[in-house]
Amino acid sequence: MAAHADRIEVRSRGKGTYEITDEVAAIVAASGIETGTVTVFVRHTSASLVIMENADPSARTDLHAFFDHLVPEDTPYFVHTHEGADDMPSHIRMALTRTSEVIPVVGGRMALGTWQGIFLFEHRRAGQVRQVVVSVVG
Protein backbone atom coordinates (compact mmCIF):
# COMPACT_ATOMS: atom_id res chain seq x y z
CA MET A 1 0.00 0.00 0.00
CA ALA A 2 1.29 3.45 -0.94
CA ALA A 3 0.58 6.68 0.92
CA HIS A 4 1.09 10.35 0.11
CA ALA A 5 0.20 13.44 2.15
CA ASP A 6 0.31 17.17 1.56
CA ARG A 7 -1.29 20.40 2.79
CA ILE A 8 -3.32 23.17 1.25
CA GLU A 9 -3.52 26.68 2.69
CA VAL A 10 -6.84 28.44 2.06
CA ARG A 11 -7.16 32.18 2.62
CA SER A 12 -10.81 32.97 3.17
CA ARG A 13 -12.40 36.39 2.89
CA GLY A 14 -14.92 35.59 5.61
CA LYS A 15 -18.08 33.48 5.74
CA GLY A 16 -18.77 31.39 2.68
CA THR A 17 -17.57 28.45 0.61
CA TYR A 18 -14.23 28.26 -1.17
CA GLU A 19 -13.66 25.56 -3.76
CA ILE A 20 -10.52 23.47 -3.32
CA THR A 21 -11.29 20.67 -5.79
CA ASP A 22 -8.45 21.53 -8.18
CA GLU A 23 -5.88 21.73 -5.40
CA VAL A 24 -6.94 18.33 -4.01
CA ALA A 25 -6.93 16.84 -7.54
CA ALA A 26 -3.36 18.07 -8.03
CA ILE A 27 -2.25 16.30 -4.83
CA VAL A 28 -4.00 13.10 -5.93
CA ALA A 29 -2.21 13.30 -9.31
CA ALA A 30 1.16 13.97 -7.64
CA SER A 31 0.68 10.91 -5.41
CA GLY A 32 0.84 8.53 -8.35
CA ILE A 33 -1.83 6.39 -6.66
CA GLU A 34 -4.24 4.88 -9.20
CA THR A 35 -6.76 3.15 -6.91
CA GLY A 36 -7.57 4.05 -3.31
CA THR A 37 -9.00 6.93 -1.33
CA VAL A 38 -8.21 10.54 -0.63
CA THR A 39 -9.05 11.99 2.76
CA VAL A 40 -9.39 15.76 3.02
CA PHE A 41 -9.30 17.17 6.58
CA VAL A 42 -9.61 20.77 7.81
CA ARG A 43 -7.59 21.51 10.96
CA HIS A 44 -9.97 24.02 12.56
CA THR A 45 -13.05 24.16 14.81
CA SER A 46 -14.76 27.09 13.10
CA ALA A 47 -14.55 25.89 9.49
CA SER A 48 -15.62 22.67 7.80
CA LEU A 49 -15.67 20.83 4.50
CA VAL A 50 -18.60 20.07 2.22
CA ILE A 51 -19.05 18.35 -1.09
CA MET A 52 -21.49 20.60 -2.89
CA GLU A 53 -22.69 21.49 -6.35
CA ASN A 54 -20.00 23.49 -8.15
CA ALA A 55 -21.87 24.38 -11.35
CA ASP A 56 -24.48 26.86 -10.09
CA PRO A 57 -23.25 29.27 -7.37
CA SER A 58 -26.85 29.91 -6.25
CA ALA A 59 -26.84 26.47 -4.60
CA ARG A 60 -24.05 27.65 -2.31
CA THR A 61 -25.79 31.00 -1.77
CA ASP A 62 -28.82 29.07 -0.51
CA LEU A 63 -26.58 26.92 1.70
CA HIS A 64 -25.07 30.05 3.28
CA ALA A 65 -28.53 31.57 3.87
CA PHE A 66 -29.81 28.32 5.39
CA PHE A 67 -26.94 28.16 7.91
CA ASP A 68 -27.38 31.86 8.79
CA HIS A 69 -31.02 31.08 9.55
CA LEU A 70 -30.32 27.78 11.31
CA VAL A 71 -27.55 29.10 13.57
CA PRO A 72 -27.89 32.89 13.85
CA GLU A 73 -25.27 35.12 15.39
CA ASP A 74 -26.07 37.16 18.52
CA THR A 75 -28.08 34.31 20.04
CA PRO A 76 -28.61 35.51 23.62
CA TYR A 77 -28.09 32.16 25.37
CA PHE A 78 -24.62 31.46 23.85
CA VAL A 79 -21.91 31.68 26.52
CA HIS A 80 -18.84 31.01 24.35
CA THR A 81 -18.53 34.46 22.73
CA HIS A 82 -14.98 35.45 23.68
CA GLU A 83 -14.01 36.05 20.02
CA GLY A 84 -17.25 37.80 19.06
CA ALA A 85 -20.86 37.12 18.09
CA ASP A 86 -19.81 34.63 15.40
CA ASP A 87 -17.68 32.54 17.81
CA MET A 88 -20.17 29.92 19.03
CA PRO A 89 -22.25 29.89 15.83
CA SER A 90 -19.09 29.03 13.87
CA HIS A 91 -18.42 26.04 16.14
CA ILE A 92 -22.02 24.80 15.86
CA ARG A 93 -21.99 25.14 12.07
CA MET A 94 -18.77 23.11 12.00
CA ALA A 95 -20.33 20.42 14.20
CA LEU A 96 -23.36 20.18 11.90
CA THR A 97 -21.20 19.64 8.84
CA ARG A 98 -17.89 17.75 8.61
CA THR A 99 -14.21 18.29 9.20
CA SER A 100 -13.23 15.58 6.70
CA GLU A 101 -14.34 14.02 3.45
CA VAL A 102 -13.22 10.69 1.98
CA ILE A 103 -13.40 10.32 -1.80
CA PRO A 104 -12.58 7.23 -3.88
CA VAL A 105 -9.62 7.43 -6.25
CA VAL A 106 -10.16 5.50 -9.49
CA GLY A 107 -7.73 5.62 -12.40
CA GLY A 108 -5.60 8.18 -10.60
CA ARG A 109 -8.48 10.66 -10.28
CA MET A 110 -11.10 11.48 -7.68
CA ALA A 111 -14.40 9.76 -8.44
CA LEU A 112 -16.51 12.88 -7.83
CA GLY A 113 -19.83 13.25 -9.61
CA THR A 114 -20.27 15.62 -12.55
CA TRP A 115 -21.45 18.59 -10.47
CA GLN A 116 -19.60 17.84 -7.21
CA GLY A 117 -16.85 20.03 -5.83
CA ILE A 118 -14.95 20.05 -2.54
CA PHE A 119 -15.36 23.28 -0.58
CA LEU A 120 -13.89 24.76 2.55
CA PHE A 121 -16.91 26.16 4.44
CA GLU A 122 -15.72 29.21 6.39
CA HIS A 123 -17.96 30.03 9.34
CA ARG A 124 -16.21 33.16 10.67
CA ARG A 125 -17.00 36.69 9.43
CA ALA A 126 -13.36 37.77 9.28
CA GLY A 127 -10.95 36.32 6.76
CA GLN A 128 -8.87 33.42 8.02
CA VAL A 129 -5.95 31.30 6.89
CA ARG A 130 -7.09 27.67 6.99
CA GLN A 131 -4.97 24.55 6.77
CA VAL A 132 -6.32 21.51 4.96
CA VAL A 133 -4.45 18.18 5.10
CA VAL A 134 -4.84 15.81 2.14
CA SER A 135 -3.90 12.13 2.47
CA VAL A 136 -3.99 9.69 -0.44
CA VAL A 137 -3.68 5.94 0.15
CA GLY A 138 -3.97 3.01 -2.20
C-alpha atoms as a PDB file:
ATOM      1  CA  MET A   1       0.000   0.000   0.000  1.00  0.00           C
ATOM      2  CA  ALA A   2       1.287   3.447  -0.941  1.00  0.00           C
ATOM      3  CA  ALA A   3       0.580   6.681   0.922  1.00  0.00           C
ATOM      4  CA  HIS A   4       1.094  10.351   0.113  1.00  0.00           C
ATOM      5  CA  ALA A   5       0.197  13.437   2.147  1.00  0.00           C
ATOM      6  CA  ASP A   6       0.315  17.175   1.558  1.00  0.00           C
ATOM      7  CA  ARG A   7      -1.289  20.401   2.785  1.00  0.00           C
ATOM      8  CA  ILE A   8      -3.322  23.175   1.247  1.00  0.00           C
ATOM      9  CA  GLU A   9      -3.521  26.676   2.692  1.00  0.00           C
ATOM     10  CA  VAL A  10      -6.836  28.444   2.059  1.00  0.00           C
ATOM     11  CA  ARG A  11      -7.156  32.177   2.622  1.00  0.00           C
ATOM     12  CA  SER A  12     -10.811  32.966   3.168  1.00  0.00           C
ATOM     13  CA  ARG A  13     -12.401  36.389   2.887  1.00  0.00           C
ATOM     14  CA  GLY A  14     -14.917  35.595   5.605  1.00  0.00           C
ATOM     15  CA  LYS A  15     -18.078  33.476   5.736  1.00  0.00           C
ATOM     16  CA  GLY A  16     -18.765  31.390   2.675  1.00  0.00           C
ATOM     17  CA  THR A  17     -17.574  28.446   0.613  1.00  0.00           C
ATOM     18  CA  TYR A  18     -14.226  28.265  -1.171  1.00  0.00           C
ATOM     19  CA  GLU A  19     -13.663  25.563  -3.764  1.00  0.00           C
ATOM     20  CA  ILE A  20     -10.520  23.467  -3.316  1.00  0.00           C
ATOM     21  CA  THR A  21     -11.291  20.667  -5.792  1.00  0.00           C
ATOM     22  CA  ASP A  22      -8.452  21.527  -8.183  1.00  0.00           C
ATOM     23  CA  GLU A  23      -5.880  21.726  -5.395  1.00  0.00           C
ATOM     24  CA  VAL A  24      -6.942  18.326  -4.012  1.00  0.00           C
ATOM     25  CA  ALA A  25      -6.929  16.840  -7.537  1.00  0.00           C
ATOM     26  CA  ALA A  26      -3.356  18.067  -8.027  1.00  0.00           C
ATOM     27  CA  ILE A  27      -2.251  16.300  -4.827  1.00  0.00           C
ATOM     28  CA  VAL A  28      -3.998  13.102  -5.932  1.00  0.00           C
ATOM     29  CA  ALA A  29      -2.211  13.300  -9.307  1.00  0.00           C
ATOM     30  CA  ALA A  30       1.155  13.969  -7.642  1.00  0.00           C
ATOM     31  CA  SER A  31       0.677  10.914  -5.411  1.00  0.00           C
ATOM     32  CA  GLY A  32       0.842   8.527  -8.353  1.00  0.00           C
ATOM     33  CA  ILE A  33      -1.830   6.386  -6.659  1.00  0.00           C
ATOM     34  CA  GLU A  34      -4.238   4.875  -9.195  1.00  0.00           C
ATOM     35  CA  THR A  35      -6.762   3.150  -6.911  1.00  0.00           C
ATOM     36  CA  GLY A  36      -7.566   4.047  -3.310  1.00  0.00           C
ATOM     37  CA  THR A  37      -9.002   6.934  -1.334  1.00  0.00           C
ATOM     38  CA  VAL A  38      -8.209  10.542  -0.631  1.00  0.00           C
ATOM     39  CA  THR A  39      -9.055  11.994   2.760  1.00  0.00           C
ATOM     40  CA  VAL A  40      -9.388  15.760   3.023  1.00  0.00           C
ATOM     41  CA  PHE A  41      -9.296  17.166   6.583  1.00  0.00           C
ATOM     42  CA  VAL A  42      -9.612  20.769   7.811  1.00  0.00           C
ATOM     43  CA  ARG A  43      -7.594  21.507  10.963  1.00  0.00           C
ATOM     44  CA  HIS A  44      -9.974  24.025  12.563  1.00  0.00           C
ATOM     45  CA  THR A  45     -13.052  24.156  14.807  1.00  0.00           C
ATOM     46  CA  SER A  46     -14.759  27.093  13.100  1.00  0.00           C
ATOM     47  CA  ALA A  47     -14.548  25.894   9.488  1.00  0.00           C
ATOM     48  CA  SER A  48     -15.620  22.671   7.799  1.00  0.00           C
ATOM     49  CA  LEU A  49     -15.673  20.832   4.501  1.00  0.00           C
ATOM     50  CA  VAL A  50     -18.603  20.067   2.222  1.00  0.00           C
ATOM     51  CA  ILE A  51     -19.048  18.355  -1.090  1.00  0.00           C
ATOM     52  CA  MET A  52     -21.488  20.604  -2.888  1.00  0.00           C
ATOM     53  CA  GLU A  53     -22.689  21.493  -6.347  1.00  0.00           C
ATOM     54  CA  ASN A  54     -20.002  23.485  -8.147  1.00  0.00           C
ATOM     55  CA  ALA A  55     -21.869  24.383 -11.354  1.00  0.00           C
ATOM     56  CA  ASP A  56     -24.476  26.860 -10.088  1.00  0.00           C
ATOM     57  CA  PRO A  57     -23.249  29.269  -7.374  1.00  0.00           C
ATOM     58  CA  SER A  58     -26.847  29.915  -6.254  1.00  0.00           C
ATOM     59  CA  ALA A  59     -26.842  26.468  -4.599  1.00  0.00           C
ATOM     60  CA  ARG A  60     -24.054  27.652  -2.308  1.00  0.00           C
ATOM     61  CA  THR A  61     -25.794  31.005  -1.772  1.00  0.00           C
ATOM     62  CA  ASP A  62     -28.819  29.070  -0.510  1.00  0.00           C
ATOM     63  CA  LEU A  63     -26.584  26.919   1.703  1.00  0.00           C
ATOM     64  CA  HIS A  64     -25.066  30.045   3.281  1.00  0.00           C
ATOM     65  CA  ALA A  65     -28.528  31.566   3.868  1.00  0.00           C
ATOM     66  CA  PHE A  66     -29.811  28.325   5.394  1.00  0.00           C
ATOM     67  CA  PHE A  67     -26.944  28.160   7.907  1.00  0.00           C
ATOM     68  CA  ASP A  68     -27.376  31.859   8.791  1.00  0.00           C
ATOM     69  CA  HIS A  69     -31.020  31.081   9.545  1.00  0.00           C
ATOM     70  CA  LEU A  70     -30.324  27.778  11.311  1.00  0.00           C
ATOM     71  CA  VAL A  71     -27.547  29.101  13.575  1.00  0.00           C
ATOM     72  CA  PRO A  72     -27.894  32.890  13.853  1.00  0.00           C
ATOM     73  CA  GLU A  73     -25.271  35.123  15.389  1.00  0.00           C
ATOM     74  CA  ASP A  74     -26.069  37.156  18.516  1.00  0.00           C
ATOM     75  CA  THR A  75     -28.075  34.306  20.044  1.00  0.00           C
ATOM     76  CA  PRO A  76     -28.612  35.506  23.620  1.00  0.00           C
ATOM     77  CA  TYR A  77     -28.085  32.158  25.367  1.00  0.00           C
ATOM     78  CA  PHE A  78     -24.621  31.464  23.852  1.00  0.00           C
ATOM     79  CA  VAL A  79     -21.908  31.685  26.518  1.00  0.00           C
ATOM     80  CA  HIS A  80     -18.844  31.005  24.345  1.00  0.00           C
ATOM     81  CA  THR A  81     -18.533  34.461  22.734  1.00  0.00           C
ATOM     82  CA  HIS A  82     -14.977  35.449  23.676  1.00  0.00           C
ATOM     83  CA  GLU A  83     -14.014  36.051  20.025  1.00  0.00           C
ATOM     84  CA  GLY A  84     -17.255  37.798  19.056  1.00  0.00           C
ATOM     85  CA  ALA A  85     -20.857  37.122  18.090  1.00  0.00           C
ATOM     86  CA  ASP A  86     -19.807  34.635  15.397  1.00  0.00           C
ATOM     87  CA  ASP A  87     -17.683  32.541  17.815  1.00  0.00           C
ATOM     88  CA  MET A  88     -20.166  29.917  19.033  1.00  0.00           C
ATOM     89  CA  PRO A  89     -22.245  29.894  15.827  1.00  0.00           C
ATOM     90  CA  SER A  90     -19.092  29.027  13.867  1.00  0.00           C
ATOM     91  CA  HIS A  91     -18.419  26.041  16.140  1.00  0.00           C
ATOM     92  CA  ILE A  92     -22.024  24.802  15.864  1.00  0.00           C
ATOM     93  CA  ARG A  93     -21.988  25.137  12.068  1.00  0.00           C
ATOM     94  CA  MET A  94     -18.770  23.113  11.997  1.00  0.00           C
ATOM     95  CA  ALA A  95     -20.329  20.421  14.204  1.00  0.00           C
ATOM     96  CA  LEU A  96     -23.362  20.184  11.902  1.00  0.00           C
ATOM     97  CA  THR A  97     -21.203  19.640   8.845  1.00  0.00           C
ATOM     98  CA  ARG A  98     -17.895  17.746   8.611  1.00  0.00           C
ATOM     99  CA  THR A  99     -14.206  18.291   9.202  1.00  0.00           C
ATOM    100  CA  SER A 100     -13.231  15.577   6.703  1.00  0.00           C
ATOM    101  CA  GLU A 101     -14.339  14.020   3.446  1.00  0.00           C
ATOM    102  CA  VAL A 102     -13.220  10.686   1.977  1.00  0.00           C
ATOM    103  CA  ILE A 103     -13.405  10.323  -1.802  1.00  0.00           C
ATOM    104  CA  PRO A 104     -12.584   7.225  -3.875  1.00  0.00           C
ATOM    105  CA  VAL A 105      -9.624   7.430  -6.254  1.00  0.00           C
ATOM    106  CA  VAL A 106     -10.158   5.501  -9.489  1.00  0.00           C
ATOM    107  CA  GLY A 107      -7.734   5.621 -12.404  1.00  0.00           C
ATOM    108  CA  GLY A 108      -5.602   8.180 -10.599  1.00  0.00           C
ATOM    109  CA  ARG A 109      -8.477  10.661 -10.275  1.00  0.00           C
ATOM    110  CA  MET A 110     -11.097  11.476  -7.676  1.00  0.00           C
ATOM    111  CA  ALA A 111     -14.404   9.756  -8.440  1.00  0.00           C
ATOM    112  CA  LEU A 112     -16.509  12.879  -7.826  1.00  0.00           C
ATOM    113  CA  GLY A 113     -19.835  13.251  -9.614  1.00  0.00           C
ATOM    114  CA  THR A 114     -20.270  15.623 -12.547  1.00  0.00           C
ATOM    115  CA  TRP A 115     -21.448  18.586 -10.465  1.00  0.00           C
ATOM    116  CA  GLN A 116     -19.604  17.839  -7.212  1.00  0.00           C
ATOM    117  CA  GLY A 117     -16.852  20.027  -5.825  1.00  0.00           C
ATOM    118  CA  ILE A 118     -14.952  20.054  -2.540  1.00  0.00           C
ATOM    119  CA  PHE A 119     -15.361  23.281  -0.585  1.00  0.00           C
ATOM    120  CA  LEU A 120     -13.895  24.763   2.554  1.00  0.00           C
ATOM    121  CA  PHE A 121     -16.907  26.161   4.438  1.00  0.00           C
ATOM    122  CA  GLU A 122     -15.717  29.212   6.387  1.00  0.00           C
ATOM    123  CA  HIS A 123     -17.961  30.035   9.341  1.00  0.00           C
ATOM    124  CA  ARG A 124     -16.212  33.163  10.672  1.00  0.00           C
ATOM    125  CA  ARG A 125     -16.996  36.691   9.434  1.00  0.00           C
ATOM    126  CA  ALA A 126     -13.355  37.775   9.277  1.00  0.00           C
ATOM    127  CA  GLY A 127     -10.951  36.322   6.755  1.00  0.00           C
ATOM    128  CA  GLN A 128      -8.874  33.420   8.022  1.00  0.00           C
ATOM    129  CA  VAL A 129      -5.951  31.298   6.885  1.00  0.00           C
ATOM    130  CA  ARG A 130      -7.090  27.673   6.995  1.00  0.00           C
ATOM    131  CA  GLN A 131      -4.970  24.550   6.774  1.00  0.00           C
ATOM    132  CA  VAL A 132      -6.317  21.506   4.963  1.00  0.00           C
ATOM    133  CA  VAL A 133      -4.453  18.181   5.096  1.00  0.00           C
ATOM    134  CA  VAL A 134      -4.837  15.813   2.137  1.00  0.00           C
ATOM    135  CA  SER A 135      -3.897  12.133   2.470  1.00  0.00           C
ATOM    136  CA  VAL A 136      -3.994   9.689  -0.444  1.00  0.00           C
ATOM    137  CA  VAL A 137      -3.678   5.939   0.151  1.00  0.00           C
ATOM    138  CA  GLY A 138      -3.974   3.011  -2.199  1.00  0.00           C
END
